[in-house]
Amino acid sequence: STAATSGERSTAATSRYGSTSATSGDRSTAATSGDGSMAKVEGEHSIAVAGGYQCRAMGSLGCWLVLAERDGDGAITHLEAVQVDGERIKPDVAYMLRTGKVIKA
């Protein structure tokens, strides 16, 4: 499934396997909880939340990514929030957690 929005303060959310959730307005939220899914945001002060097993998130410069890592039974083992700063976390690059570390997906 896919959910996409483009207005300011908009929200897009998905929960199915391999889903994509994307927003492009300022102060927006994209969230996904389906296994192997992607949350993508553009726009100032936006946040992408990737909460499913092997989920990924990406955003434009200044956005925030919230990444969860789950084990094979679905239990959360790690959680990390990072800002797309252009140095450590690059814009428009997908990231995920692996063994508690933020990595390029």
PDB file of N, CA and C in Angstrom:
ATOM      1  N   SER A   1       0.835  -1.199   0.000  1.00  0.00           N
ATOM      2  CA  SER A   1       0.000   0.000   0.000  1.00  0.00           C
ATOM      3  C   SER A   1       0.868   1.247   0.000  1.00  0.00           C
ATOM      4  N   THR A   2       0.300   2.343  -0.430  1.00  0.00           N
ATOM      5  CA  THR A   2       1.003   3.619  -0.487  1.00  0.00           C
ATOM      6  C   THR A   2       0.091   4.709   0.057  1.00  0.00           C
ATOM      7  N   ALA A   3       0.648   5.593   0.862  1.00  0.00           N
ATOM      8  CA  ALA A   3      -0.058   6.778   1.325  1.00  0.00           C
ATOM      9  C   ALA A   3       0.838   7.973   1.064  1.00  0.00           C
ATOM     10  N   ALA A   4       0.305   8.995   0.410  1.00  0.00           N
ATOM     11  CA  ALA A   4       1.098  10.180   0.092  1.00  0.00           C
ATOM     12  C   ALA A   4       0.269  11.431   0.302  1.00  0.00           C
ATOM     13  N   THR A   5       0.879  12.457   0.892  1.00  0.00           N
ATOM     14  CA  THR A   5       0.212  13.737   1.104  1.00  0.00           C
ATOM     15  C   THR A   5       1.172  14.858   0.742  1.00  0.00           C
ATOM     16  N   SER A   6       0.619  16.058   0.492  1.00  0.00           N
ATOM     17  CA  SER A   6       1.506  17.162   0.116  1.00  0.00           C
ATOM     18  C   SER A   6       1.190  18.476   0.814  1.00  0.00           C
ATOM     19  N   GLY A   7       0.242  18.537   1.684  1.00  0.00           N
ATOM     20  CA  GLY A   7      -0.086  19.794   2.354  1.00  0.00           C
ATOM     21  C   GLY A   7       0.680  19.997   3.642  1.00  0.00           C
ATOM     22  N   GLU A   8       0.748  21.253   4.062  1.00  0.00           N
ATOM     23  CA  GLU A   8       1.394  21.585   5.328  1.00  0.00           C
ATOM     24  C   GLU A   8       0.681  20.883   6.467  1.00  0.00           C
ATOM     25  N   ARG A   9       1.463  20.362   7.428  1.00  0.00           N
ATOM     26  CA  ARG A   9       0.971  19.661   8.610  1.00  0.00           C
ATOM     27  C   ARG A   9       0.165  18.409   8.251  1.00  0.00           C
ATOM     28  N   SER A  10       0.499  17.773   7.162  1.00  0.00           N
ATOM     29  CA  SER A  10      -0.223  16.576   6.726  1.00  0.00           C
ATOM     30  C   SER A  10       0.384  15.323   7.344  1.00  0.00           C
ATOM     31  N   THR A  11      -0.386  14.241   7.287  1.00  0.00           N
ATOM     32  CA  THR A  11       0.049  12.957   7.828  1.00  0.00           C
ATOM     33  C   THR A  11      -0.256  11.860   6.824  1.00  0.00           C
ATOM     34  N   ALA A  12       0.704  10.981   6.616  1.00  0.00           N
ATOM     35  CA  ALA A  12       0.511   9.792   5.796  1.00  0.00           C
ATOM     36  C   ALA A  12       0.951   8.599   6.624  1.00  0.00           C
ATOM     37  N   ALA A  13       0.147   7.546   6.651  1.00  0.00           N
ATOM     38  CA  ALA A  13       0.483   6.374   7.449  1.00  0.00           C
ATOM     39  C   ALA A  13       0.113   5.103   6.701  1.00  0.00           C
ATOM     40  N   THR A  14       0.972   4.090   6.813  1.00  0.00           N
ATOM     41  CA  THR A  14       0.717   2.785   6.221  1.00  0.00           C
ATOM     42  C   THR A  14       1.089   1.701   7.214  1.00  0.00           C
ATOM     43  N   SER A  15       0.537   0.502   7.011  1.00  0.00           N
ATOM     44  CA  SER A  15       0.845  -0.578   7.942  1.00  0.00           C
ATOM     45  C   SER A  15       0.987  -1.941   7.265  1.00  0.00           C
ATOM     46  N   ARG A  16       1.020  -2.015   5.978  1.00  0.00           N
ATOM     47  CA  ARG A  16       1.138  -3.295   5.280  1.00  0.00           C
ATOM     48  C   ARG A  16       2.585  -3.575   4.875  1.00  0.00           C
ATOM     49  N   TYR A  17       2.903  -4.833   4.609  1.00  0.00           N
ATOM     50  CA  TYR A  17       4.238  -5.259   4.200  1.00  0.00           C
ATOM     51  C   TYR A  17       4.665  -4.511   2.936  1.00  0.00           C
ATOM     52  N   GLY A  18       5.884  -3.968   2.941  1.00  0.00           N
ATOM     53  CA  GLY A  18       6.428  -3.301   1.770  1.00  0.00           C
ATOM     54  C   GLY A  18       5.750  -1.997   1.399  1.00  0.00           C
ATOM     55  N   SER A  19       5.079  -1.355   2.329  1.00  0.00           N
ATOM     56  CA  SER A  19       4.339  -0.117   2.065  1.00  0.00           C
ATOM     57  C   SER A  19       5.261   1.088   1.991  1.00  0.00           C
ATOM     58  N   THR A  20       4.751   2.168   1.405  1.00  0.00           N
ATOM     59  CA  THR A  20       5.449   3.442   1.378  1.00  0.00           C
ATOM     60  C   THR A  20       4.523   4.517   1.907  1.00  0.00           C
ATOM     61  N   SER A  21       5.053   5.329   2.812  1.00  0.00           N
ATOM     62  CA  SER A  21       4.337   6.468   3.368  1.00  0.00           C
ATOM     63  C   SER A  21       5.181   7.704   3.101  1.00  0.00           C
ATOM     64  N   ALA A  22       4.605   8.722   2.441  1.00  0.00           N
ATOM     65  CA  ALA A  22       5.405   9.891   2.064  1.00  0.00           C
ATOM     66  C   ALA A  22       4.613  11.178   2.225  1.00  0.00           C
ATOM     67  N   THR A  23       5.293  12.234   2.680  1.00  0.00           N
ATOM     68  CA  THR A  23       4.700  13.566   2.774  1.00  0.00           C
ATOM     69  C   THR A  23       5.696  14.582   2.229  1.00  0.00           C
ATOM     70  N   SER A  24       5.171  15.703   1.740  1.00  0.00           N
ATOM     71  CA  SER A  24       6.071  16.740   1.232  1.00  0.00           C
ATOM     72  C   SER A  24       5.781  18.122   1.796  1.00  0.00           C
ATOM     73  N   GLY A  25       4.828  18.270   2.679  1.00  0.00           N
ATOM     74  CA  GLY A  25       4.533  19.577   3.266  1.00  0.00           C
ATOM     75  C   GLY A  25       5.336  19.842   4.525  1.00  0.00           C
ATOM     76  N   ASP A  26       5.513  21.117   4.850  1.00  0.00           N
ATOM     77  CA  ASP A  26       6.200  21.494   6.086  1.00  0.00           C
ATOM     78  C   ASP A  26       5.437  20.965   7.297  1.00  0.00           C
ATOM     79  N   ARG A  27       6.196  20.612   8.346  1.00  0.00           N
ATOM     80  CA  ARG A  27       5.647  20.125   9.612  1.00  0.00           C
ATOM     81  C   ARG A  27       4.717  18.926   9.428  1.00  0.00           C
ATOM     82  N   SER A  28       5.115  18.010   8.547  1.00  0.00           N
ATOM     83  CA  SER A  28       4.311  16.828   8.242  1.00  0.00           C
ATOM     84  C   SER A  28       4.902  15.575   8.870  1.00  0.00           C
ATOM     85  N   THR A  29       4.124  14.488   8.865  1.00  0.00           N
ATOM     86  CA  THR A  29       4.547  13.215   9.429  1.00  0.00           C
ATOM     87  C   THR A  29       4.241  12.090   8.454  1.00  0.00           C
ATOM     88  N   ALA A  30       5.212  11.234   8.241  1.00  0.00           N
ATOM     89  CA  ALA A  30       5.010   9.988   7.498  1.00  0.00           C
ATOM     90  C   ALA A  30       5.368   8.858   8.444  1.00  0.00           C
ATOM     91  N   ALA A  31       4.490   7.886   8.574  1.00  0.00           N
ATOM     92  CA  ALA A  31       4.730   6.781   9.499  1.00  0.00           C
ATOM     93  C   ALA A  31       4.356   5.465   8.843  1.00  0.00           C
ATOM     94  N   THR A  32       5.154   4.448   9.128  1.00  0.00           N
ATOM     95  CA  THR A  32       4.852   3.115   8.615  1.00  0.00           C
ATOM     96  C   THR A  32       5.212   2.075   9.660  1.00  0.00           C
ATOM     97  N   SER A  33       4.418   1.012   9.719  1.00  0.00           N
ATOM     98  CA  SER A  33       4.711  -0.067  10.663  1.00  0.00           C
ATOM     99  C   SER A  33       4.754  -1.423   9.974  1.00  0.00           C
ATOM    100  N   GLY A  34       4.548  -1.477   8.673  1.00  0.00           N
ATOM    101  CA  GLY A  34       4.608  -2.746   7.952  1.00  0.00           C
ATOM    102  C   GLY A  34       6.037  -3.214   7.761  1.00  0.00           C
ATOM    103  N   ASP A  35       6.239  -4.509   7.797  1.00  0.00           N
ATOM    104  CA  ASP A  35       7.575  -5.074   7.608  1.00  0.00           C
ATOM    105  C   ASP A  35       8.155  -4.627   6.271  1.00  0.00           C
ATOM    106  N   GLY A  36       9.422  -4.216   6.273  1.00  0.00           N
ATOM    107  CA  GLY A  36      10.113  -3.824   5.060  1.00  0.00           C
ATOM    108  C   GLY A  36       9.586  -2.569   4.401  1.00  0.00           C
ATOM    109  N   SER A  37       8.919  -1.714   5.145  1.00  0.00           N
ATOM    110  CA  SER A  37       8.300  -0.513   4.590  1.00  0.00           C
ATOM    111  C   SER A  37       9.220   0.701   4.645  1.00  0.00           C
ATOM    112  N   MET A  38       8.792   1.788   3.989  1.00  0.00           N
ATOM    113  CA  MET A  38       9.574   3.024   3.887  1.00  0.00           C
ATOM    114  C   MET A  38       8.714   4.215   4.299  1.00  0.00           C
ATOM    115  N   ALA A  39       9.281   5.107   5.126  1.00  0.00           N
ATOM    116  CA  ALA A  39       8.656   6.389   5.454  1.00  0.00           C
ATOM    117  C   ALA A  39       9.565   7.477   4.898  1.00  0.00           C
ATOM    118  N   LYS A  40       8.994   8.407   4.143  1.00  0.00           N
ATOM    119  CA  LYS A  40       9.788   9.464   3.505  1.00  0.00           C
ATOM    120  C   LYS A  40       9.120  10.814   3.734  1.00  0.00           C
ATOM    121  N   VAL A  41       9.939  11.819   4.118  1.00  0.00           N
ATOM    122  CA  VAL A  41       9.411  13.167   4.329  1.00  0.00           C
ATOM    123  C   VAL A  41      10.275  14.210   3.644  1.00  0.00           C
ATOM    124  N   GLU A  42       9.613  15.267   3.221  1.00  0.00           N
ATOM    125  CA  GLU A  42      10.245  16.481   2.710  1.00  0.00           C
ATOM    126  C   GLU A  42       9.509  17.641   3.366  1.00  0.00           C
ATOM    127  N   GLY A  43      10.147  18.769   3.489  1.00  0.00           N
ATOM    128  CA  GLY A  43       9.503  19.917   4.121  1.00  0.00           C
ATOM    129  C   GLY A  43      10.061  20.170   5.503  1.00  0.00           C
ATOM    130  N   GLU A  44      10.170  21.433   5.857  1.00  0.00           N
ATOM    131  CA  GLU A  44      10.754  21.814   7.145  1.00  0.00           C
ATOM    132  C   GLU A  44       9.991  21.227   8.321  1.00  0.00           C
ATOM    133  N   HIS A  45      10.736  20.836   9.340  1.00  0.00           N
ATOM    134  CA  HIS A  45      10.201  20.351  10.611  1.00  0.00           C
ATOM    135  C   HIS A  45       9.317  19.120  10.453  1.00  0.00           C
ATOM    136  N   SER A  46       9.622  18.279   9.467  1.00  0.00           N
ATOM    137  CA  SER A  46       8.849  17.055   9.251  1.00  0.00           C
ATOM    138  C   SER A  46       9.554  15.866   9.892  1.00  0.00           C
ATOM    139  N   ILE A  47       8.787  14.770  10.085  1.00  0.00           N
ATOM    140  CA  ILE A  47       9.315  13.593  10.765  1.00  0.00           C
ATOM    141  C   ILE A  47       8.849  12.338  10.042  1.00  0.00           C
ATOM    142  N   ALA A  48       9.782  11.395   9.877  1.00  0.00           N
ATOM    143  CA  ALA A  48       9.472  10.087   9.302  1.00  0.00           C
ATOM    144  C   ALA A  48       9.657   9.046  10.400  1.00  0.00           C
ATOM    145  N   VAL A  49       8.649   8.206  10.608  1.00  0.00           N
ATOM    146  CA  VAL A  49       8.684   7.184  11.644  1.00  0.00           C
ATOM    147  C   VAL A  49       8.611   5.815  10.976  1.00  0.00           C
ATOM    148  N   ALA A  50       9.654   5.025  11.143  1.00  0.00           N
ATOM    149  CA  ALA A  50       9.711   3.676  10.594  1.00  0.00           C
ATOM    150  C   ALA A  50       9.696   2.697  11.761  1.00  0.00           C
ATOM    151  N   GLY A  51       8.554   2.076  12.008  1.00  0.00           N
ATOM    152  CA  GLY A  51       8.396   1.271  13.210  1.00  0.00           C
ATOM    153  C   GLY A  51       8.269  -0.214  13.005  1.00  0.00           C
ATOM    154  N   GLY A  52       8.287  -0.696  11.776  1.00  0.00           N
ATOM    155  CA  GLY A  52       8.131  -2.122  11.524  1.00  0.00           C
ATOM    156  C   GLY A  52       9.443  -2.851  11.385  1.00  0.00           C
ATOM    157  N   TYR A  53       9.360  -4.164  11.242  1.00  0.00           N
ATOM    158  CA  TYR A  53      10.537  -5.018  11.080  1.00  0.00           C
ATOM    159  C   TYR A  53      11.249  -4.643   9.783  1.00  0.00           C
ATOM    160  N   GLN A  54      12.541  -4.323   9.875  1.00  0.00           N
ATOM    161  CA  GLN A  54      13.390  -3.938   8.750  1.00  0.00           C
ATOM    162  C   GLN A  54      12.808  -2.766   7.940  1.00  0.00           C
ATOM    163  N   CYS A  55      12.188  -1.813   8.619  1.00  0.00           N
ATOM    164  CA  CYS A  55      11.679  -0.594   7.978  1.00  0.00           C
ATOM    165  C   CYS A  55      12.811   0.386   7.726  1.00  0.00           C
ATOM    166  N   ARG A  56      12.554   1.307   6.809  1.00  0.00           N
ATOM    167  CA  ARG A  56      13.527   2.336   6.452  1.00  0.00           C
ATOM    168  C   ARG A  56      12.848   3.695   6.490  1.00  0.00           C
ATOM    169  N   ALA A  57      13.672   4.740   6.646  1.00  0.00           N
ATOM    170  CA  ALA A  57      13.163   6.115   6.617  1.00  0.00           C
ATOM    171  C   ALA A  57      14.167   6.995   5.907  1.00  0.00           C
ATOM    172  N   MET A  58      13.650   8.039   5.251  1.00  0.00           N
ATOM    173  CA  MET A  58      14.514   9.041   4.621  1.00  0.00           C
ATOM    174  C   MET A  58      13.819  10.384   4.689  1.00  0.00           C
ATOM    175  N   GLY A  59      14.626  11.433   4.581  1.00  0.00           N
ATOM    176  CA  GLY A  59      14.060  12.775   4.634  1.00  0.00           C
ATOM    177  C   GLY A  59      14.985  13.792   4.003  1.00  0.00           C
ATOM    178  N   SER A  60      14.443  14.964   3.795  1.00  0.00           N
ATOM    179  CA  SER A  60      15.251  16.062   3.269  1.00  0.00           C
ATOM    180  C   SER A  60      16.005  16.720   4.431  1.00  0.00           C
ATOM    181  N   LEU A  61      16.933  17.594   4.104  1.00  0.00           N
ATOM    182  CA  LEU A  61      17.775  18.256   5.087  1.00  0.00           C
ATOM    183  C   LEU A  61      16.920  18.923   6.169  1.00  0.00           C
ATOM    184  N   GLY A  62      17.253  18.661   7.425  1.00  0.00           N
ATOM    185  CA  GLY A  62      16.559  19.248   8.562  1.00  0.00           C
ATOM    186  C   GLY A  62      15.431  18.400   9.114  1.00  0.00           C
ATOM    187  N   CYS A  63      14.975  17.400   8.383  1.00  0.00           N
ATOM    188  CA  CYS A  63      13.900  16.522   8.861  1.00  0.00           C
ATOM    189  C   CYS A  63      14.437  15.554   9.914  1.00  0.00           C
ATOM    190  N   TRP A  64      13.535  14.926  10.629  1.00  0.00           N
ATOM    191  CA  TRP A  64      13.890  13.937  11.642  1.00  0.00           C
ATOM    192  C   TRP A  64      13.444  12.559  11.209  1.00  0.00           C
ATOM    193  N   LEU A  65      14.249  11.539  11.567  1.00  0.00           N
ATOM    194  CA  LEU A  65      13.927  10.142  11.307  1.00  0.00           C
ATOM    195  C   LEU A  65      13.868   9.414  12.641  1.00  0.00           C
ATOM    196  N   VAL A  66      12.791   8.674  12.853  1.00  0.00           N
ATOM    197  CA  VAL A  66      12.671   7.830  14.039  1.00  0.00           C
ATOM    198  C   VAL A  66      12.683   6.388  13.541  1.00  0.00           C
ATOM    199  N   LEU A  67      13.677   5.634  13.992  1.00  0.00           N
ATOM    200  CA  LEU A  67      13.893   4.276  13.498  1.00  0.00           C
ATOM    201  C   LEU A  67      13.764   3.271  14.629  1.00  0.00           C
ATOM    202  N   ALA A  68      12.970   2.241  14.397  1.00  0.00           N
ATOM    203  CA  ALA A  68      12.854   1.150  15.364  1.00  0.00           C
ATOM    204  C   ALA A  68      13.486  -0.092  14.766  1.00  0.00           C
ATOM    205  N   GLU A  69      14.121  -0.882  15.622  1.00  0.00           N
ATOM    206  CA  GLU A  69      14.630  -2.185  15.211  1.00  0.00           C
ATOM    207  C   GLU A  69      13.860  -3.243  15.985  1.00  0.00           C
ATOM    208  N   ARG A  70      13.380  -4.242  15.259  1.00  0.00           N
ATOM    209  CA  ARG A  70      12.611  -5.320  15.880  1.00  0.00           C
ATOM    210  C   ARG A  70      13.298  -6.659  15.634  1.00  0.00           C
ATOM    211  N   ASP A  71      13.086  -7.584  16.569  1.00  0.00           N
ATOM    212  CA  ASP A  71      13.611  -8.931  16.357  1.00  0.00           C
ATOM    213  C   ASP A  71      12.606  -9.737  15.532  1.00  0.00           C
ATOM    214  N   GLY A  72      12.910 -10.984  15.266  1.00  0.00           N
ATOM    215  CA  GLY A  72      12.047 -11.831  14.443  1.00  0.00           C
ATOM    216  C   GLY A  72      10.671 -12.072  15.021  1.00  0.00           C
ATOM    217  N   ASP A  73      10.514 -11.868  16.328  1.00  0.00           N
ATOM    218  CA  ASP A  73       9.208 -12.015  16.963  1.00  0.00           C
ATOM    219  C   ASP A  73       8.426 -10.704  17.009  1.00  0.00           C
ATOM    220  N   GLY A  74       9.033  -9.617  16.519  1.00  0.00           N
ATOM    221  CA  GLY A  74       8.349  -8.321  16.492  1.00  0.00           C
ATOM    222  C   GLY A  74       8.587  -7.439  17.696  1.00  0.00           C
ATOM    223  N   ALA A  75       9.393  -7.898  18.648  1.00  0.00           N
ATOM    224  CA  ALA A  75       9.686  -7.076  19.828  1.00  0.00           C
ATOM    225  C   ALA A  75      10.701  -5.993  19.450  1.00  0.00           C
ATOM    226  N   ILE A  76      10.493  -4.775  19.938  1.00  0.00           N
ATOM    227  CA  ILE A  76      11.426  -3.684  19.677  1.00  0.00           C
ATOM    228  C   ILE A  76      12.692  -3.916  20.497  1.00  0.00           C
ATOM    229  N   THR A  77      13.829  -3.906  19.797  1.00  0.00           N
ATOM    230  CA  THR A  77      15.118  -4.101  20.471  1.00  0.00           C
ATOM    231  C   THR A  77      15.912  -2.803  20.582  1.00  0.00           C
ATOM    232  N   HIS A  78      15.698  -1.877  19.647  1.00  0.00           N
ATOM    233  CA  HIS A  78      16.378  -0.582  19.668  1.00  0.00           C
ATOM    234  C   HIS A  78      15.460   0.477  19.065  1.00  0.00           C
ATOM    235  N   LEU A  79      15.679   1.716  19.476  1.00  0.00           N
ATOM    236  CA  LEU A  79      14.937   2.858  18.944  1.00  0.00           C
ATOM    237  C   LEU A  79      15.891   4.045  18.895  1.00  0.00           C
ATOM    238  N   GLU A  80      15.871   4.779  17.781  1.00  0.00           N
ATOM    239  CA  GLU A  80      16.793   5.902  17.612  1.00  0.00           C
ATOM    240  C   GLU A  80      16.101   7.010  16.830  1.00  0.00           C
ATOM    241  N   ALA A  81      16.334   8.250  17.234  1.00  0.00           N
ATOM    242  CA  ALA A  81      15.867   9.423  16.488  1.00  0.00           C
ATOM    243  C   ALA A  81      17.090  10.214  16.049  1.00  0.00           C
ATOM    244  N   VAL A  82      17.131  10.550  14.751  1.00  0.00           N
ATOM    245  CA  VAL A  82      18.271  11.291  14.204  1.00  0.00           C
ATOM    246  C   VAL A  82      17.750  12.393  13.283  1.00  0.00           C
ATOM    247  N   GLN A  83      18.504  13.476  13.207  1.00  0.00           N
ATOM    248  CA  GLN A  83      18.153  14.559  12.301  1.00  0.00           C
ATOM    249  C   GLN A  83      18.988  14.452  11.026  1.00  0.00           C
ATOM    250  N   VAL A  84      18.353  14.702   9.893  1.00  0.00           N
ATOM    251  CA  VAL A  84      19.064  14.726   8.618  1.00  0.00           C
ATOM    252  C   VAL A  84      19.883  16.009   8.609  1.00  0.00           C
ATOM    253  N   ASP A  85      21.190  15.857   8.853  1.00  0.00           N
ATOM    254  CA  ASP A  85      22.070  17.020   9.018  1.00  0.00           C
ATOM    255  C   ASP A  85      22.959  17.281   7.808  1.00  0.00           C
ATOM    256  N   GLY A  86      22.946  16.371   6.838  1.00  0.00           N
ATOM    257  CA  GLY A  86      23.772  16.538   5.644  1.00  0.00           C
ATOM    258  C   GLY A  86      25.184  16.024   5.818  1.00  0.00           C
ATOM    259  N   GLU A  87      25.585  15.688   7.030  1.00  0.00           N
ATOM    260  CA  GLU A  87      26.928  15.175   7.287  1.00  0.00           C
ATOM    261  C   GLU A  87      26.864  13.694   7.673  1.00  0.00           C
ATOM    262  N   ARG A  88      26.412  13.424   8.880  1.00  0.00           N
ATOM    263  CA  ARG A  88      26.284  12.030   9.325  1.00  0.00           C
ATOM    264  C   ARG A  88      25.082  11.365   8.661  1.00  0.00           C
ATOM    265  N   ILE A  89      23.972  12.060   8.640  1.00  0.00           N
ATOM    266  CA  ILE A  89      22.744  11.559   8.019  1.00  0.00           C
ATOM    267  C   ILE A  89      22.473  12.409   6.785  1.00  0.00           C
ATOM    268  N   LYS A  90      22.538  11.773   5.629  1.00  0.00           N
ATOM    269  CA  LYS A  90      22.425  12.470   4.342  1.00  0.00           C
ATOM    270  C   LYS A  90      20.970  12.601   3.908  1.00  0.00           C
ATOM    271  N   PRO A  91      20.644  13.721   3.213  1.00  0.00           N
ATOM    272  CA  PRO A  91      19.296  13.885   2.687  1.00  0.00           C
ATOM    273  C   PRO A  91      19.013  12.862   1.580  1.00  0.00           C
ATOM    274  N   ASP A  92      17.765  12.439   1.529  1.00  0.00           N
ATOM    275  CA  ASP A  92      17.266  11.547   0.482  1.00  0.00           C
ATOM    276  C   ASP A  92      18.024  10.232   0.385  1.00  0.00           C
ATOM    277  N   VAL A  93      18.522   9.748   1.515  1.00  0.00           N
ATOM    278  CA  VAL A  93      19.144   8.438   1.623  1.00  0.00           C
ATOM    279  C   VAL A  93      18.341   7.658   2.660  1.00  0.00           C
ATOM    280  N   ALA A  94      18.021   6.405   2.349  1.00  0.00           N
ATOM    281  CA  ALA A  94      17.244   5.580   3.280  1.00  0.00           C
ATOM    282  C   ALA A  94      18.151   5.044   4.388  1.00  0.00           C
ATOM    283  N   TYR A  95      17.639   5.076   5.623  1.00  0.00           N
ATOM    284  CA  TYR A  95      18.353   4.574   6.789  1.00  0.00           C
ATOM    285  C   TYR A  95      17.481   3.592   7.553  1.00  0.00           C
ATOM    286  N   MET A  96      18.158   2.704   8.277  1.00  0.00           N
ATOM    287  CA  MET A  96      17.480   1.761   9.152  1.00  0.00           C
ATOM    288  C   MET A  96      18.395   1.472  10.337  1.00  0.00           C
ATOM    289  N   LEU A  97      17.885   0.746  11.318  1.00  0.00           N
ATOM    290  CA  LEU A  97      18.712   0.322  12.451  1.00  0.00           C
ATOM    291  C   LEU A  97      19.133  -1.130  12.256  1.00  0.00           C
ATOM    292  N   ARG A  98      20.392  -1.400  12.566  1.00  0.00           N
ATOM    293  CA  ARG A  98      20.894  -2.774  12.564  1.00  0.00           C
ATOM    294  C   ARG A  98      21.795  -2.895  13.760  1.00  0.00           C
ATOM    295  N   THR A  99      21.480  -3.796  14.660  1.00  0.00           N
ATOM    296  CA  THR A  99      22.190  -3.998  15.933  1.00  0.00           C
ATOM    297  C   THR A  99      22.363  -2.689  16.698  1.00  0.00           C
ATOM    298  N   GLY A 100      21.318  -1.861  16.651  1.00  0.00           N
ATOM    299  CA  GLY A 100      21.305  -0.613  17.400  1.00  0.00           C
ATOM    300  C   GLY A 100      22.031   0.538  16.751  1.00  0.00           C
ATOM    301  N   LYS A 101      22.555   0.345  15.559  1.00  0.00           N
ATOM    302  CA  LYS A 101      23.285   1.404  14.860  1.00  0.00           C
ATOM    303  C   LYS A 101      22.520   1.856  13.616  1.00  0.00           C
ATOM    304  N   VAL A 102      22.529   3.168  13.368  1.00  0.00           N
ATOM    305  CA  VAL A 102      21.897   3.732  12.181  1.00  0.00           C
ATOM    306  C   VAL A 102      22.805   3.450  10.983  1.00  0.00           C
ATOM    307  N   ILE A 103      22.238   2.774   9.969  1.00  0.00           N
ATOM    308  CA  ILE A 103      23.017   2.440   8.770  1.00  0.00           C
ATOM    309  C   ILE A 103      22.231   2.822   7.522  1.00  0.00           C
ATOM    310  N   LYS A 104      22.935   2.990   6.404  1.00  0.00           N
ATOM    311  CA  LYS A 104      22.268   3.177   5.129  1.00  0.00           C
ATOM    312  C   LYS A 104      21.588   1.879   4.763  1.00  0.00           C
ATOM    313  N   ALA A 105      20.356   2.001   4.298  1.00  0.00           N
ATOM    314  CA  ALA A 105      19.591   0.797   3.961  1.00  0.00           C
ATOM    315  C   ALA A 105      19.860   0.361   2.536  1.00  0.00           C
TER     316      ALA A 105
END
